[in-house]
Amino acid sequence: MVVLAALTACAGPYQYYEGTGIHDTTAAEVAGGWDNVEGTRVVLRKDGTALLEKLDGQDFDFEDGWRLSGTGTWQLTDDNGGQVVRVTLTARTRAESRSAATATDTSPPEPPSTYAWSFYVDRDQNHELKLFFFYGDPDIGNTYVMTRETAA
């Protein structure tokens, strides 16, 4: 019993996450602008190119505190667990830091010049599309949610 408890103590929700089960989303539905807090914006164009503004790192990379801007590509994929939007930054134009997240005694690592994210495709209670990935310690299960850009 003690061995089982020790083996499962570090098994957070992300480690066993198999996807949302969504399989009916089209690339045309995913294309468009997506927002998150603090100025994060992702534009997924119909031609498969992407524009990224202040997008934070995924998983443990979030802890490094950098935020990337630039251009890249995207594609909608589907597997047994559900659909995923894979976004790749191919040309970084800017790297910034989240102020409070990087308060450590050591200097933060250099932000990457290229990077790839995997956003799970999901729907909210109103059947509206949302995209998300996990960030930080996977045992905690924090989600970084992107919602459809609202008209200003």
C-alpha atoms as a PDB file:
ATOM      1  CA  MET A   1       0.000   0.000   0.000  1.00  0.00           C
ATOM      2  CA  VAL A   2       2.810   2.425   0.918  1.00  0.00           C
ATOM      3  CA  VAL A   3       4.635   1.647  -2.342  1.00  0.00           C
ATOM      4  CA  LEU A   4       1.505   2.374  -4.374  1.00  0.00           C
ATOM      5  CA  ALA A   5       1.010   5.686  -2.576  1.00  0.00           C
ATOM      6  CA  ALA A   6       4.630   6.651  -3.230  1.00  0.00           C
ATOM      7  CA  LEU A   7       4.370   5.756  -6.914  1.00  0.00           C
ATOM      8  CA  THR A   8       1.194   7.768  -7.452  1.00  0.00           C
ATOM      9  CA  ALA A   9       2.163  10.784  -5.316  1.00  0.00           C
ATOM     10  CA  CYS A  10       3.818  12.524  -8.280  1.00  0.00           C
ATOM     11  CA  ALA A  11       1.178  11.502 -10.801  1.00  0.00           C
ATOM     12  CA  GLY A  12      -0.748  14.700 -11.396  1.00  0.00           C
ATOM     13  CA  PRO A  13      -3.641  15.222 -13.798  1.00  0.00           C
ATOM     14  CA  TYR A  14      -1.438  16.193 -16.755  1.00  0.00           C
ATOM     15  CA  GLN A  15       0.613  13.001 -16.618  1.00  0.00           C
ATOM     16  CA  TYR A  16      -2.472  10.937 -17.432  1.00  0.00           C
ATOM     17  CA  TYR A  17      -4.264  13.488 -19.595  1.00  0.00           C
ATOM     18  CA  GLU A  18      -5.362  11.889 -22.840  1.00  0.00           C
ATOM     19  CA  GLY A  19      -7.098  14.844 -24.474  1.00  0.00           C
ATOM     20  CA  THR A  20     -10.529  16.408 -24.596  1.00  0.00           C
ATOM     21  CA  GLY A  21     -12.203  13.880 -26.875  1.00  0.00           C
ATOM     22  CA  ILE A  22     -13.140  16.657 -29.319  1.00  0.00           C
ATOM     23  CA  HIS A  23     -12.944  15.420 -32.943  1.00  0.00           C
ATOM     24  CA  ASP A  24     -15.382  17.689 -34.826  1.00  0.00           C
ATOM     25  CA  THR A  25     -13.443  20.966 -35.066  1.00  0.00           C
ATOM     26  CA  THR A  26     -12.345  22.225 -38.492  1.00  0.00           C
ATOM     27  CA  ALA A  27      -9.247  24.250 -39.333  1.00  0.00           C
ATOM     28  CA  ALA A  28     -11.545  27.043 -40.557  1.00  0.00           C
ATOM     29  CA  GLU A  29     -13.191  27.152 -37.121  1.00  0.00           C
ATOM     30  CA  VAL A  30      -9.799  27.360 -35.370  1.00  0.00           C
ATOM     31  CA  ALA A  31      -8.434  30.084 -37.669  1.00  0.00           C
ATOM     32  CA  GLY A  32      -8.639  33.605 -36.283  1.00  0.00           C
ATOM     33  CA  GLY A  33      -7.509  35.584 -33.264  1.00  0.00           C
ATOM     34  CA  TRP A  34      -7.050  34.163 -29.751  1.00  0.00           C
ATOM     35  CA  ASP A  35      -6.371  36.035 -26.492  1.00  0.00           C
ATOM     36  CA  ASN A  36      -5.101  35.397 -22.987  1.00  0.00           C
ATOM     37  CA  VAL A  37      -4.127  37.694 -20.124  1.00  0.00           C
ATOM     38  CA  GLU A  38      -1.428  40.380 -20.123  1.00  0.00           C
ATOM     39  CA  GLY A  39      -1.468  41.072 -23.849  1.00  0.00           C
ATOM     40  CA  THR A  40      -1.037  37.515 -25.114  1.00  0.00           C
ATOM     41  CA  ARG A  41      -2.456  37.197 -28.606  1.00  0.00           C
ATOM     42  CA  VAL A  42      -2.203  34.482 -31.246  1.00  0.00           C
ATOM     43  CA  VAL A  43      -3.530  34.848 -34.785  1.00  0.00           C
ATOM     44  CA  LEU A  44      -3.941  31.607 -36.696  1.00  0.00           C
ATOM     45  CA  ARG A  45      -4.319  32.453 -40.368  1.00  0.00           C
ATOM     46  CA  LYS A  46      -6.232  30.257 -42.818  1.00  0.00           C
ATOM     47  CA  ASP A  47      -3.052  29.716 -44.858  1.00  0.00           C
ATOM     48  CA  GLY A  48      -1.359  27.920 -41.938  1.00  0.00           C
ATOM     49  CA  THR A  49       0.808  30.825 -40.800  1.00  0.00           C
ATOM     50  CA  ALA A  50       0.669  32.285 -37.308  1.00  0.00           C
ATOM     51  CA  LEU A  51       1.384  35.575 -35.552  1.00  0.00           C
ATOM     52  CA  LEU A  52       2.325  35.334 -31.860  1.00  0.00           C
ATOM     53  CA  GLU A  53       2.442  38.137 -29.307  1.00  0.00           C
ATOM     54  CA  LYS A  54       3.734  37.622 -25.753  1.00  0.00           C
ATOM     55  CA  LEU A  55       3.051  33.879 -25.638  1.00  0.00           C
ATOM     56  CA  ASP A  56       4.381  32.160 -22.508  1.00  0.00           C
ATOM     57  CA  GLY A  57       6.212  28.837 -22.401  1.00  0.00           C
ATOM     58  CA  GLN A  58       4.428  25.534 -22.014  1.00  0.00           C
ATOM     59  CA  ASP A  59       4.893  23.002 -19.195  1.00  0.00           C
ATOM     60  CA  PHE A  60       8.022  23.692 -17.081  1.00  0.00           C
ATOM     61  CA  ASP A  61       9.224  26.326 -19.609  1.00  0.00           C
ATOM     62  CA  PHE A  62       6.581  28.637 -18.128  1.00  0.00           C
ATOM     63  CA  GLU A  63       8.722  28.832 -14.972  1.00  0.00           C
ATOM     64  CA  ASP A  64      11.521  30.520 -16.977  1.00  0.00           C
ATOM     65  CA  GLY A  65       9.297  33.602 -17.267  1.00  0.00           C
ATOM     66  CA  TRP A  66       9.916  34.485 -20.906  1.00  0.00           C
ATOM     67  CA  ARG A  67       7.216  35.546 -23.354  1.00  0.00           C
ATOM     68  CA  LEU A  68       7.807  35.203 -27.099  1.00  0.00           C
ATOM     69  CA  SER A  69       6.553  37.178 -30.075  1.00  0.00           C
ATOM     70  CA  GLY A  70       7.073  36.455 -33.759  1.00  0.00           C
ATOM     71  CA  THR A  71       5.763  34.489 -36.696  1.00  0.00           C
ATOM     72  CA  GLY A  72       5.377  30.825 -37.435  1.00  0.00           C
ATOM     73  CA  THR A  73       3.052  28.077 -38.561  1.00  0.00           C
ATOM     74  CA  TRP A  74       0.131  26.075 -37.189  1.00  0.00           C
ATOM     75  CA  GLN A  75      -1.826  22.939 -37.954  1.00  0.00           C
ATOM     76  CA  LEU A  76      -4.818  21.128 -36.513  1.00  0.00           C
ATOM     77  CA  THR A  77      -4.100  17.463 -35.744  1.00  0.00           C
ATOM     78  CA  ASP A  78      -6.345  14.679 -34.490  1.00  0.00           C
ATOM     79  CA  ASP A  79      -5.540  11.502 -32.580  1.00  0.00           C
ATOM     80  CA  ASN A  80      -7.412   9.121 -30.307  1.00  0.00           C
ATOM     81  CA  GLY A  81      -7.508  11.609 -27.405  1.00  0.00           C
ATOM     82  CA  GLY A  82      -8.848  14.525 -29.427  1.00  0.00           C
ATOM     83  CA  GLN A  83      -7.696  17.422 -31.526  1.00  0.00           C
ATOM     84  CA  VAL A  84      -4.595  19.524 -30.896  1.00  0.00           C
ATOM     85  CA  VAL A  85      -3.427  22.763 -32.516  1.00  0.00           C
ATOM     86  CA  ARG A  86       0.341  22.647 -32.978  1.00  0.00           C
ATOM     87  CA  VAL A  87       1.871  26.120 -33.194  1.00  0.00           C
ATOM     88  CA  THR A  88       5.534  26.591 -34.101  1.00  0.00           C
ATOM     89  CA  LEU A  89       7.398  29.872 -33.712  1.00  0.00           C
ATOM     90  CA  THR A  90       9.890  29.955 -36.588  1.00  0.00           C
ATOM     91  CA  ALA A  91      11.003  33.612 -36.467  1.00  0.00           C
ATOM     92  CA  ARG A  92      11.203  35.328 -33.085  1.00  0.00           C
ATOM     93  CA  THR A  93      10.830  39.106 -33.255  1.00  0.00           C
ATOM     94  CA  ARG A  94      10.815  39.832 -29.513  1.00  0.00           C
ATOM     95  CA  ALA A  95      11.350  38.170 -26.145  1.00  0.00           C
ATOM     96  CA  GLU A  96      10.101  39.664 -22.880  1.00  0.00           C
ATOM     97  CA  SER A  97       9.928  38.586 -19.235  1.00  0.00           C
ATOM     98  CA  ARG A  98       6.997  38.315 -16.901  1.00  0.00           C
ATOM     99  CA  SER A  99       8.132  40.554 -14.037  1.00  0.00           C
ATOM    100  CA  ALA A 100       6.913  38.695 -10.946  1.00  0.00           C
ATOM    101  CA  ALA A 101       7.472  35.180 -12.284  1.00  0.00           C
ATOM    102  CA  THR A 102      11.226  35.571 -12.704  1.00  0.00           C
ATOM    103  CA  ALA A 103      12.157  36.876  -9.250  1.00  0.00           C
ATOM    104  CA  THR A 104      15.018  34.480  -8.411  1.00  0.00           C
ATOM    105  CA  ASP A 105      18.632  34.818  -7.340  1.00  0.00           C
ATOM    106  CA  THR A 106      19.891  33.406 -10.639  1.00  0.00           C
ATOM    107  CA  SER A 107      19.551  34.997 -14.024  1.00  0.00           C
ATOM    108  CA  PRO A 108      16.778  33.489 -16.156  1.00  0.00           C
ATOM    109  CA  PRO A 109      17.751  31.268 -19.094  1.00  0.00           C
ATOM    110  CA  GLU A 110      17.977  32.779 -22.559  1.00  0.00           C
ATOM    111  CA  PRO A 111      14.577  32.587 -24.302  1.00  0.00           C
ATOM    112  CA  PRO A 112      14.531  30.206 -27.278  1.00  0.00           C
ATOM    113  CA  SER A 113      14.695  31.598 -30.809  1.00  0.00           C
ATOM    114  CA  THR A 114      12.193  28.959 -32.002  1.00  0.00           C
ATOM    115  CA  TYR A 115       9.588  27.085 -29.972  1.00  0.00           C
ATOM    116  CA  ALA A 116       6.564  24.784 -30.375  1.00  0.00           C
ATOM    117  CA  TRP A 117       3.302  24.643 -28.407  1.00  0.00           C
ATOM    118  CA  SER A 118       0.547  22.027 -28.400  1.00  0.00           C
ATOM    119  CA  PHE A 119      -2.870  23.508 -27.612  1.00  0.00           C
ATOM    120  CA  TYR A 120      -5.671  21.089 -26.746  1.00  0.00           C
ATOM    121  CA  VAL A 121      -8.963  21.884 -28.493  1.00  0.00           C
ATOM    122  CA  ASP A 122     -11.987  22.077 -26.180  1.00  0.00           C
ATOM    123  CA  ARG A 123     -15.419  23.664 -25.903  1.00  0.00           C
ATOM    124  CA  ASP A 124     -16.905  25.602 -23.001  1.00  0.00           C
ATOM    125  CA  GLN A 125     -20.417  25.225 -21.569  1.00  0.00           C
ATOM    126  CA  ASN A 126     -21.772  27.386 -24.434  1.00  0.00           C
ATOM    127  CA  HIS A 127     -20.098  25.111 -27.009  1.00  0.00           C
ATOM    128  CA  GLU A 128     -17.634  27.914 -27.843  1.00  0.00           C
ATOM    129  CA  LEU A 129     -14.172  26.788 -28.887  1.00  0.00           C
ATOM    130  CA  LYS A 130     -11.206  27.317 -26.568  1.00  0.00           C
ATOM    131  CA  LEU A 131      -7.562  26.284 -26.775  1.00  0.00           C
ATOM    132  CA  PHE A 132      -5.346  25.423 -23.819  1.00  0.00           C
ATOM    133  CA  PHE A 133      -2.074  23.906 -22.698  1.00  0.00           C
ATOM    134  CA  PHE A 134      -0.689  22.934 -19.308  1.00  0.00           C
ATOM    135  CA  TYR A 135       1.941  25.086 -17.634  1.00  0.00           C
ATOM    136  CA  GLY A 136       4.203  24.814 -14.624  1.00  0.00           C
ATOM    137  CA  ASP A 137       4.452  21.670 -12.533  1.00  0.00           C
ATOM    138  CA  PRO A 138       2.365  18.951 -14.228  1.00  0.00           C
ATOM    139  CA  ASP A 139       1.224  17.639 -10.832  1.00  0.00           C
ATOM    140  CA  ILE A 140      -0.756  20.839 -10.321  1.00  0.00           C
ATOM    141  CA  GLY A 141      -2.604  20.834 -13.657  1.00  0.00           C
ATOM    142  CA  ASN A 142      -2.619  24.607 -14.346  1.00  0.00           C
ATOM    143  CA  THR A 143      -4.122  25.465 -17.728  1.00  0.00           C
ATOM    144  CA  TYR A 144      -3.233  28.380 -19.994  1.00  0.00           C
ATOM    145  CA  VAL A 145      -6.510  29.090 -21.792  1.00  0.00           C
ATOM    146  CA  MET A 146      -6.829  31.002 -25.047  1.00  0.00           C
ATOM    147  CA  THR A 147     -10.292  32.326 -25.897  1.00  0.00           C
ATOM    148  CA  ARG A 148     -11.629  33.721 -29.126  1.00  0.00           C
ATOM    149  CA  GLU A 149     -10.567  37.316 -29.658  1.00  0.00           C
ATOM    150  CA  THR A 150     -13.352  39.780 -28.941  1.00  0.00           C
ATOM    151  CA  ALA A 151     -14.095  42.623 -31.307  1.00  0.00           C
ATOM    152  CA  ALA A 152     -12.891  45.959 -29.942  1.00  0.00           C
END
